[in-house]
N, C-alpha and C. Protein backbone atom coordinates (compact mmCIF):
# COMPACT_ATOMS: atom_id res chain seq x y z
N MET A 1 -6.32 95.43 -4.50
CA MET A 1 -5.57 96.28 -5.40
C MET A 1 -5.63 95.67 -6.80
N ASP A 2 -5.79 96.50 -7.79
CA ASP A 2 -5.93 96.04 -9.16
C ASP A 2 -4.70 95.25 -9.61
N LYS A 3 -4.94 94.35 -10.54
CA LYS A 3 -3.84 93.54 -11.06
C LYS A 3 -2.86 94.34 -11.89
N ARG A 4 -3.27 95.52 -12.35
CA ARG A 4 -2.34 96.33 -13.14
C ARG A 4 -1.20 96.85 -12.29
N TYR A 5 -1.32 96.78 -10.98
CA TYR A 5 -0.27 97.21 -10.07
C TYR A 5 0.69 96.08 -9.71
N ARG A 6 0.53 94.92 -10.29
CA ARG A 6 1.37 93.78 -9.97
C ARG A 6 2.41 93.53 -11.06
N ILE A 7 3.55 93.06 -10.65
CA ILE A 7 4.60 92.68 -11.58
C ILE A 7 4.39 91.20 -11.88
N LYS A 8 4.29 90.86 -13.15
CA LYS A 8 4.01 89.48 -13.54
C LYS A 8 5.18 88.78 -14.22
N LYS A 9 5.98 89.53 -14.97
CA LYS A 9 7.02 88.91 -15.79
C LYS A 9 8.23 88.51 -14.95
N ASN A 10 8.71 87.28 -15.17
CA ASN A 10 9.88 86.80 -14.45
C ASN A 10 11.11 87.63 -14.78
N SER A 11 11.20 88.14 -16.00
CA SER A 11 12.36 88.94 -16.37
C SER A 11 12.42 90.24 -15.56
N GLU A 12 11.27 90.85 -15.30
CA GLU A 12 11.24 92.07 -14.48
C GLU A 12 11.61 91.76 -13.03
N ILE A 13 11.10 90.65 -12.52
CA ILE A 13 11.39 90.26 -11.15
C ILE A 13 12.88 89.96 -10.98
N ASP A 14 13.46 89.21 -11.93
CA ASP A 14 14.87 88.90 -11.87
C ASP A 14 15.73 90.16 -11.94
N ALA A 15 15.33 91.12 -12.76
CA ALA A 15 16.09 92.37 -12.88
C ALA A 15 16.09 93.14 -11.56
N ILE A 16 14.98 93.14 -10.86
CA ILE A 16 14.90 93.84 -9.57
C ILE A 16 15.78 93.14 -8.54
N PHE A 17 15.76 91.80 -8.52
CA PHE A 17 16.60 91.06 -7.58
C PHE A 17 18.08 91.29 -7.87
N LYS A 18 18.45 91.42 -9.14
CA LYS A 18 19.86 91.60 -9.50
C LYS A 18 20.41 92.95 -9.08
N LEU A 19 19.54 93.97 -8.99
CA LEU A 19 20.00 95.30 -8.55
C LEU A 19 20.46 95.29 -7.09
N LYS A 20 19.90 94.40 -6.30
CA LYS A 20 20.25 94.23 -4.89
C LYS A 20 20.09 95.51 -4.07
N LYS A 21 19.11 96.31 -4.42
CA LYS A 21 18.77 97.48 -3.62
C LYS A 21 17.68 97.01 -2.66
N VAL A 22 18.10 96.61 -1.45
CA VAL A 22 17.20 95.90 -0.54
C VAL A 22 17.30 96.46 0.88
N LYS A 23 16.15 96.46 1.54
CA LYS A 23 16.06 96.73 2.98
C LYS A 23 15.30 95.57 3.57
N GLY A 24 15.67 95.15 4.77
CA GLY A 24 14.98 94.02 5.34
C GLY A 24 15.10 93.95 6.84
N ASP A 25 14.31 93.05 7.41
CA ASP A 25 14.38 92.73 8.81
C ASP A 25 14.15 91.23 8.96
N SER A 26 13.79 90.77 10.14
CA SER A 26 13.64 89.34 10.37
C SER A 26 12.38 88.76 9.73
N CYS A 27 11.45 89.62 9.32
CA CYS A 27 10.17 89.15 8.78
C CYS A 27 10.00 89.39 7.28
N PHE A 28 10.50 90.51 6.79
CA PHE A 28 10.31 90.89 5.39
C PHE A 28 11.60 91.42 4.80
N ALA A 29 11.67 91.40 3.48
CA ALA A 29 12.71 92.11 2.74
C ALA A 29 12.02 92.81 1.58
N VAL A 30 12.46 94.03 1.27
CA VAL A 30 11.88 94.80 0.18
C VAL A 30 12.98 95.14 -0.82
N TYR A 31 12.88 94.57 -2.01
CA TYR A 31 13.77 94.89 -3.12
C TYR A 31 13.07 95.93 -3.97
N GLN A 32 13.83 96.91 -4.49
CA GLN A 32 13.18 97.96 -5.26
C GLN A 32 14.04 98.43 -6.42
N SER A 33 13.38 99.03 -7.40
CA SER A 33 14.06 99.68 -8.51
C SER A 33 13.12 100.73 -9.09
N ASP A 34 13.66 101.54 -10.00
CA ASP A 34 12.86 102.55 -10.68
C ASP A 34 12.25 101.96 -11.94
N ASP A 35 11.08 102.46 -12.31
CA ASP A 35 10.39 102.02 -13.52
C ASP A 35 10.36 103.19 -14.49
N PRO A 36 11.26 103.20 -15.49
CA PRO A 36 11.34 104.37 -16.37
C PRO A 36 10.11 104.60 -17.24
N GLN A 37 9.42 103.54 -17.68
CA GLN A 37 8.28 103.75 -18.57
C GLN A 37 6.94 103.71 -17.86
N GLY A 38 6.91 103.41 -16.58
CA GLY A 38 5.64 103.30 -15.87
C GLY A 38 5.20 104.59 -15.23
N THR A 39 3.92 104.69 -14.96
CA THR A 39 3.38 105.85 -14.27
C THR A 39 2.83 105.48 -12.90
N ASN A 40 2.70 104.20 -12.64
CA ASN A 40 2.19 103.73 -11.35
C ASN A 40 3.26 102.94 -10.63
N VAL A 41 3.06 102.78 -9.35
CA VAL A 41 3.90 101.89 -8.57
C VAL A 41 3.41 100.46 -8.82
N ARG A 42 4.35 99.52 -8.99
CA ARG A 42 3.96 98.12 -9.19
C ARG A 42 4.76 97.26 -8.23
N PHE A 43 4.18 96.13 -7.82
CA PHE A 43 4.84 95.30 -6.83
C PHE A 43 4.57 93.82 -7.09
N ALA A 44 5.39 92.99 -6.44
CA ALA A 44 5.22 91.54 -6.46
C ALA A 44 5.47 91.04 -5.04
N ILE A 45 4.95 89.86 -4.75
CA ILE A 45 5.15 89.24 -3.45
C ILE A 45 5.82 87.90 -3.68
N SER A 46 6.89 87.66 -2.94
CA SER A 46 7.61 86.40 -3.04
C SER A 46 7.56 85.70 -1.70
N ILE A 47 7.16 84.44 -1.72
CA ILE A 47 7.07 83.67 -0.48
C ILE A 47 7.49 82.24 -0.78
N GLY A 48 8.43 81.72 -0.01
CA GLY A 48 8.99 80.40 -0.27
C GLY A 48 8.16 79.28 0.32
N LYS A 49 8.46 78.06 -0.12
CA LYS A 49 7.73 76.89 0.37
C LYS A 49 8.06 76.55 1.82
N LYS A 50 9.16 77.08 2.34
CA LYS A 50 9.50 76.85 3.74
C LYS A 50 8.48 77.51 4.67
N TYR A 51 7.74 78.47 4.15
CA TYR A 51 6.74 79.18 4.95
C TYR A 51 5.65 78.23 5.43
N GLY A 52 5.24 77.32 4.56
CA GLY A 52 4.17 76.38 4.91
C GLY A 52 3.46 75.93 3.65
N ASN A 53 2.33 75.28 3.83
CA ASN A 53 1.60 74.80 2.65
C ASN A 53 0.89 75.95 1.94
N ALA A 54 0.22 75.64 0.86
CA ALA A 54 -0.38 76.67 0.01
C ALA A 54 -1.42 77.51 0.75
N VAL A 55 -2.13 76.93 1.69
CA VAL A 55 -3.14 77.67 2.44
C VAL A 55 -2.50 78.81 3.23
N PHE A 56 -1.40 78.51 3.92
CA PHE A 56 -0.72 79.53 4.72
C PHE A 56 -0.02 80.57 3.84
N ARG A 57 0.56 80.12 2.73
CA ARG A 57 1.22 81.06 1.82
C ARG A 57 0.21 82.01 1.21
N ASN A 58 -0.94 81.51 0.79
CA ASN A 58 -1.97 82.37 0.20
C ASN A 58 -2.54 83.35 1.22
N LEU A 59 -2.70 82.92 2.46
CA LEU A 59 -3.16 83.81 3.51
C LEU A 59 -2.18 84.96 3.72
N ALA A 60 -0.90 84.64 3.76
CA ALA A 60 0.12 85.67 3.94
C ALA A 60 0.12 86.64 2.75
N LYS A 61 -0.02 86.13 1.54
CA LYS A 61 -0.04 87.00 0.36
C LYS A 61 -1.27 87.91 0.37
N ARG A 62 -2.42 87.39 0.76
CA ARG A 62 -3.63 88.22 0.84
C ARG A 62 -3.45 89.33 1.86
N ARG A 63 -2.85 89.00 2.99
CA ARG A 63 -2.63 90.01 4.03
C ARG A 63 -1.67 91.10 3.56
N VAL A 64 -0.59 90.69 2.91
CA VAL A 64 0.38 91.68 2.41
C VAL A 64 -0.26 92.57 1.35
N ARG A 65 -1.05 91.98 0.46
CA ARG A 65 -1.74 92.79 -0.57
C ARG A 65 -2.68 93.80 0.07
N MET A 66 -3.38 93.41 1.14
CA MET A 66 -4.28 94.34 1.83
C MET A 66 -3.50 95.49 2.47
N ILE A 67 -2.35 95.17 3.06
CA ILE A 67 -1.53 96.22 3.68
C ILE A 67 -1.03 97.19 2.62
N VAL A 68 -0.56 96.67 1.49
CA VAL A 68 -0.06 97.53 0.42
C VAL A 68 -1.20 98.37 -0.16
N GLU A 69 -2.39 97.79 -0.28
CA GLU A 69 -3.53 98.52 -0.84
C GLU A 69 -3.92 99.70 0.04
N GLU A 70 -3.78 99.57 1.35
CA GLU A 70 -4.14 100.67 2.24
C GLU A 70 -3.30 101.92 2.00
N PHE A 71 -2.07 101.71 1.51
CA PHE A 71 -1.16 102.83 1.34
C PHE A 71 -0.87 103.14 -0.13
N LYS A 72 -1.70 102.67 -1.05
CA LYS A 72 -1.40 102.79 -2.47
C LYS A 72 -1.33 104.24 -2.95
N ASP A 73 -2.05 105.14 -2.34
CA ASP A 73 -2.02 106.55 -2.77
C ASP A 73 -0.79 107.29 -2.26
N GLN A 74 -0.08 106.72 -1.30
CA GLN A 74 1.05 107.40 -0.70
C GLN A 74 2.39 106.97 -1.29
N PHE A 75 2.39 105.97 -2.17
CA PHE A 75 3.64 105.50 -2.76
C PHE A 75 4.18 106.50 -3.77
N ILE A 76 5.50 106.54 -3.88
CA ILE A 76 6.15 107.37 -4.89
C ILE A 76 5.92 106.70 -6.25
N LYS A 77 5.60 107.48 -7.25
CA LYS A 77 5.31 106.94 -8.58
C LYS A 77 6.59 106.40 -9.23
N ASN A 78 6.41 105.60 -10.27
CA ASN A 78 7.50 105.03 -11.06
C ASN A 78 8.43 104.14 -10.25
N LYS A 79 7.90 103.38 -9.32
CA LYS A 79 8.70 102.46 -8.52
C LYS A 79 8.22 101.03 -8.74
N LEU A 80 9.16 100.11 -8.75
CA LEU A 80 8.89 98.67 -8.76
C LEU A 80 9.45 98.12 -7.46
N PHE A 81 8.71 97.26 -6.79
CA PHE A 81 9.27 96.64 -5.60
C PHE A 81 8.71 95.23 -5.40
N ILE A 82 9.52 94.43 -4.72
CA ILE A 82 9.16 93.05 -4.40
C ILE A 82 9.23 92.90 -2.90
N ILE A 83 8.19 92.36 -2.32
CA ILE A 83 8.16 92.08 -0.89
C ILE A 83 8.41 90.59 -0.71
N VAL A 84 9.49 90.25 -0.02
CA VAL A 84 9.82 88.86 0.27
C VAL A 84 9.35 88.57 1.68
N VAL A 85 8.48 87.58 1.81
CA VAL A 85 7.92 87.20 3.11
C VAL A 85 8.74 86.04 3.66
N LYS A 86 9.28 86.21 4.86
CA LYS A 86 10.11 85.18 5.48
C LYS A 86 9.26 84.29 6.39
N PRO A 87 9.73 83.07 6.67
CA PRO A 87 8.93 82.12 7.47
C PRO A 87 8.56 82.62 8.86
N SER A 88 9.31 83.53 9.45
CA SER A 88 9.00 84.01 10.80
C SER A 88 7.70 84.82 10.85
N VAL A 89 7.17 85.24 9.71
CA VAL A 89 5.93 86.01 9.67
C VAL A 89 4.74 85.15 10.07
N ARG A 90 4.86 83.86 9.91
CA ARG A 90 3.73 82.95 10.18
C ARG A 90 3.22 83.06 11.62
N ASP A 91 4.10 83.45 12.54
CA ASP A 91 3.71 83.56 13.95
C ASP A 91 3.11 84.91 14.31
N LEU A 92 3.05 85.84 13.36
CA LEU A 92 2.56 87.19 13.64
C LEU A 92 1.07 87.33 13.34
N SER A 93 0.43 88.23 14.07
CA SER A 93 -0.95 88.58 13.77
C SER A 93 -0.96 89.60 12.63
N TYR A 94 -2.14 89.90 12.12
CA TYR A 94 -2.25 90.87 11.03
C TYR A 94 -1.73 92.25 11.46
N GLN A 95 -2.06 92.68 12.66
CA GLN A 95 -1.62 94.00 13.13
C GLN A 95 -0.10 94.07 13.26
N GLU A 96 0.51 92.99 13.74
CA GLU A 96 1.98 92.96 13.84
C GLU A 96 2.62 92.97 12.45
N MET A 97 2.03 92.21 11.52
CA MET A 97 2.53 92.23 10.14
C MET A 97 2.44 93.63 9.57
N LYS A 98 1.32 94.28 9.79
CA LYS A 98 1.10 95.62 9.25
C LYS A 98 2.12 96.62 9.80
N SER A 99 2.37 96.57 11.09
CA SER A 99 3.32 97.53 11.68
C SER A 99 4.74 97.27 11.18
N LYS A 100 5.15 96.02 11.09
CA LYS A 100 6.50 95.70 10.61
C LYS A 100 6.67 96.07 9.14
N LEU A 101 5.69 95.76 8.31
CA LEU A 101 5.79 96.05 6.89
C LEU A 101 5.71 97.56 6.64
N THR A 102 4.89 98.27 7.39
CA THR A 102 4.80 99.72 7.26
C THR A 102 6.14 100.37 7.59
N LEU A 103 6.76 99.93 8.66
CA LEU A 103 8.06 100.47 9.05
C LEU A 103 9.11 100.19 7.98
N LEU A 104 9.08 99.00 7.41
CA LEU A 104 10.05 98.63 6.38
C LEU A 104 9.84 99.42 5.08
N ILE A 105 8.60 99.67 4.73
CA ILE A 105 8.32 100.48 3.53
C ILE A 105 8.81 101.91 3.74
N GLN A 106 8.64 102.44 4.94
CA GLN A 106 9.16 103.78 5.23
C GLN A 106 10.68 103.80 5.15
N LYS A 107 11.34 102.76 5.69
CA LYS A 107 12.79 102.67 5.63
C LYS A 107 13.29 102.58 4.19
N SER A 108 12.52 101.93 3.34
CA SER A 108 12.91 101.75 1.94
C SER A 108 12.70 103.01 1.12
N LYS A 109 12.06 104.01 1.71
CA LYS A 109 11.77 105.28 1.04
C LYS A 109 10.92 105.09 -0.21
N LEU A 110 9.97 104.17 -0.14
CA LEU A 110 9.01 103.99 -1.23
C LEU A 110 7.88 105.00 -1.11
N THR A 111 7.76 105.62 0.03
CA THR A 111 6.72 106.61 0.28
C THR A 111 7.31 107.73 1.13
N GLU A 112 6.72 108.87 1.05
CA GLU A 112 7.20 110.00 1.85
C GLU A 112 6.89 109.79 3.33
N LYS A 113 5.63 109.49 3.61
CA LYS A 113 5.21 109.28 4.99
C LYS A 113 3.94 108.44 4.98
N ILE A 114 3.88 107.48 5.89
CA ILE A 114 2.69 106.64 6.00
C ILE A 114 2.00 106.98 7.31
N ASN A 115 0.74 107.31 7.21
CA ASN A 115 -0.07 107.57 8.40
C ASN A 115 -0.88 106.34 8.70
N GLY A 116 -0.50 105.60 9.72
CA GLY A 116 -1.29 104.42 10.03
C GLY A 116 -0.63 103.45 10.86
């Protein structure tokens, strides 16, 4: 997914966390807000050091980016969201990650319907 779809500024990330509009489960949490001046959906991935070393954290981020990229055309426009990856994800396979994250994105109402 292109870098223009990523949230980079700490001020934007902090503002989304402060709204506390969140849905989550044991593996992921999704914080979201509206983007008044944007035309695309943008996202960030947050993963703590408790998850593991840099190799495992980068692997998890790559997997989450791939899952989000598969559904990029189905997202509602003008949305900002942050996906927080919890340490329990480390034990999951890619398919399990995909099913859990897909269900959570549907619960968060970031998309109308995800086929997959």
